[in-house]
Protein backbone atom coordinates (compact mmCIF):
# COMPACT_ATOMS: atom_id res chain seq x y z
CA MET A 1 0.00 0.00 0.00
CA ASP A 2 1.38 3.37 -1.00
CA ARG A 3 1.25 5.57 2.13
CA ARG A 4 2.42 8.74 0.41
CA HIS A 5 0.00 11.62 0.19
CA ASP A 6 -0.09 14.81 -1.80
CA HIS A 7 1.16 17.97 -0.15
CA PRO A 8 4.23 20.17 -0.67
CA SER A 9 6.61 17.81 1.13
CA ARG A 10 6.19 15.18 -1.59
CA ALA A 11 8.73 17.01 -3.72
CA TYR A 12 11.32 16.40 -1.00
CA GLU A 13 10.77 12.71 -0.30
CA SER A 14 14.50 12.07 -0.49
CA GLY A 15 14.87 14.14 2.70
CA SER A 16 16.40 17.26 1.26
CA SER A 17 15.02 20.65 0.50
CA PRO A 18 15.49 22.63 -2.72
CA SER A 19 18.44 24.37 -1.07
CA GLY A 20 20.13 21.01 -0.49
CA ALA A 21 19.72 21.11 3.30
CA THR A 22 18.51 17.91 4.88
CA ALA A 23 15.00 18.20 6.21
CA ALA A 24 13.84 16.26 9.26
CA GLY A 25 10.65 14.47 10.06
CA HIS A 26 7.29 14.79 8.35
CA ASN A 27 7.45 18.56 7.91
CA ARG A 28 10.05 18.52 5.19
CA GLU A 29 8.55 21.63 3.59
CA ARG A 30 9.99 23.61 6.56
CA PRO A 31 13.75 22.84 6.40
CA ASP A 32 14.45 26.08 8.29
CA ARG A 33 12.91 24.63 11.47
CA GLU A 34 15.05 22.79 13.97
CA VAL A 35 13.97 19.33 15.12
CA VAL A 36 12.41 19.49 18.57
CA GLN A 37 12.82 16.70 21.09
CA TRP A 38 10.73 16.94 24.22
CA GLN A 39 12.87 14.58 26.24
CA ARG A 40 16.63 14.75 26.76
CA PRO A 41 17.67 11.46 28.41
CA HIS A 42 20.72 11.32 30.70
CA GLU A 43 21.06 15.09 30.91
CA ALA A 44 18.63 16.10 33.65
CA GLY A 45 19.97 18.78 35.93
CA HIS A 46 23.07 19.57 33.90
CA ALA A 47 24.11 23.05 32.90
CA HIS A 48 23.64 22.28 29.21
CA ASP A 49 19.89 21.64 29.67
CA GLN A 50 19.34 25.37 29.25
CA GLN A 51 21.38 25.90 26.09
CA SER A 52 21.95 29.49 25.17
CA ASP A 53 21.54 30.80 21.64
CA ASN A 54 25.29 30.60 21.09
CA ALA A 55 25.62 27.06 22.46
CA GLU A 56 27.10 24.57 20.06
CA ALA A 57 24.23 22.52 18.61
CA ASP A 58 26.28 19.34 18.15
CA LEU A 59 28.30 19.46 21.37
CA ASP A 60 27.30 15.88 22.19
CA LEU A 61 28.92 14.76 18.94
CA VAL A 62 32.00 16.82 19.68
CA GLU A 63 32.23 15.20 23.14
CA THR A 64 31.94 11.74 21.60
CA ALA A 65 34.66 12.48 19.06
CA PHE A 66 36.88 13.95 21.81
CA ALA A 67 36.44 10.87 24.04
CA GLU A 68 37.23 8.52 21.14
CA GLY A 69 40.29 10.50 20.06
CA PHE A 70 41.61 11.06 23.57
CA SER A 71 41.37 7.34 24.37
CA GLN A 72 43.50 6.51 21.31
CA ALA A 73 45.99 9.40 21.52
CA SER A 74 49.63 8.35 21.79
CA ASP A 75 50.38 11.67 23.56
CA PRO A 76 47.37 12.76 25.68
CA THR A 77 49.03 16.06 26.67
CA SER A 78 49.48 17.08 23.03
CA PHE A 79 45.93 16.00 22.26
CA LEU A 80 44.67 18.34 25.00
CA ARG A 81 46.76 21.18 23.58
CA LEU A 82 45.40 20.51 20.10
CA ALA A 83 41.83 20.54 21.47
CA GLN A 84 42.62 23.82 23.28
CA ILE A 85 41.76 22.42 26.71
CA PRO A 86 43.40 24.75 29.28
CA PHE A 87 45.76 23.15 31.79
CA ARG A 88 45.47 26.25 33.97
CA ALA A 89 42.45 28.52 33.90
CA ILE A 90 40.30 30.97 35.81
CA ALA A 91 36.71 29.99 36.57
CA ASN A 92 33.71 32.34 36.52
CA ASP A 93 34.01 32.72 40.31
CA LYS A 94 37.67 33.85 39.82
CA ALA A 95 39.10 30.62 41.27
CA ARG A 96 42.35 29.47 39.71
CA LEU A 97 42.04 25.96 38.31
CA ALA A 98 44.66 23.34 37.42
CA LEU A 99 43.77 20.33 35.26
CA LEU A 100 44.51 17.06 37.02
CA ARG A 101 42.67 14.40 35.08
CA VAL A 102 40.44 13.65 32.11
CA GLU A 103 37.85 10.96 32.81
CA VAL A 104 36.07 8.97 30.11
CA ASP A 105 33.57 6.58 31.69
CA ALA A 106 31.51 3.89 30.01
CA VAL A 107 27.95 4.09 31.37
CA THR A 108 25.26 1.46 30.76
CA ASP A 109 21.68 1.98 31.97
CA VAL A 110 20.13 -1.42 32.75
CA GLY A 111 17.12 -0.45 34.88
CA ALA A 112 14.45 2.19 35.36
CA VAL A 113 12.57 3.51 38.40
CA MET A 114 9.10 5.03 38.56
CA PRO A 115 7.89 6.76 41.72
CA HIS A 116 4.59 5.62 43.18
CA LEU A 117 1.92 8.18 44.04
CA GLY A 118 3.09 10.27 46.94
CA GLY A 119 6.73 9.75 45.99
CA GLU A 120 7.84 7.81 49.06
CA THR A 121 8.23 4.47 47.30
CA PHE A 122 9.15 3.50 43.78
CA ARG A 123 8.89 0.72 41.25
CA PHE A 124 12.03 -0.77 39.68
CA ASP A 125 12.07 -2.53 36.33
CA PRO A 126 15.10 -4.06 34.62
CA LEU A 127 15.31 -2.90 31.02
CA PRO A 128 15.03 -5.38 28.15
CA ALA A 129 18.12 -5.60 25.95
CA SER A 130 16.54 -3.41 23.26
CA MET A 131 16.10 -0.54 25.75
CA VAL A 132 19.52 -0.72 27.43
CA SER A 133 21.47 2.44 26.68
CA ARG A 134 25.23 2.80 26.50
CA ARG A 135 27.15 6.04 26.42
CA ARG A 136 30.42 7.60 27.38
CA ARG A 137 30.69 10.35 29.93
CA LEU A 138 33.50 12.86 29.55
CA ARG A 139 34.64 14.93 32.54
CA PHE A 140 37.60 17.15 33.25
CA VAL A 141 38.86 17.17 36.84
CA TYR A 142 40.35 20.47 37.95
CA PHE A 143 41.80 21.42 41.36
CA ASP A 144 40.80 24.89 42.62
CA GLY A 145 43.10 25.09 45.66
CA LYS A 146 40.43 23.71 48.01
CA GLY A 147 38.97 20.71 46.24
CA LEU A 148 38.14 19.04 42.97
CA ARG A 149 35.81 20.43 40.32
CA LEU A 150 34.28 18.07 37.77
CA LEU A 151 33.59 19.99 34.57
CA GLU A 152 31.97 19.03 31.29
CA LEU A 153 33.43 20.00 27.92
CA ALA A 154 31.12 23.00 27.51
CA GLU A 155 32.19 24.34 30.91
CA VAL A 156 35.89 23.82 30.12
CA ARG A 157 35.53 25.65 26.83
CA ALA A 158 34.06 28.62 28.72
CA LEU A 159 37.08 28.91 31.05
CA ALA A 160 39.58 31.74 30.71
CA PRO A 161 42.99 30.10 30.16
CA ILE A 162 46.03 31.31 32.09
CA THR A 163 48.82 31.70 29.56
CA ALA A 164 51.78 32.71 31.68
């Protein structure tokens, strides 16, 4: 059964607009619109939940590429220099930071919890194999003179490097 129907998007069934830009979803006639996702798994409560207008749209892809490259780098220090990750920097609160460690963790979600009404108890369900999610988590560990600060790539890129 042919499920296509006649409206302006039919001209772009290949997924691209007349300008050559790839359109997303059913509304291909509006390639200027960004795809909206109502749920952002694994990112609740993080600073990048409220992305600013100048935030990098594909930062998650950049983080993935960084983690892959860093893990394979023969000289991790040079890799950090190439990626312009500051070894010494000043934070927004004027604290002086020194990079101690780069952590790349493998995280696998194998279960889910759902709170019961009232929120005092919860239900736990193991996830079936098709719903198990795997991802890498990238963190930069800086020392601020008093303790450790775990920063994400977006936060590190916002630091003011100390050059002298």
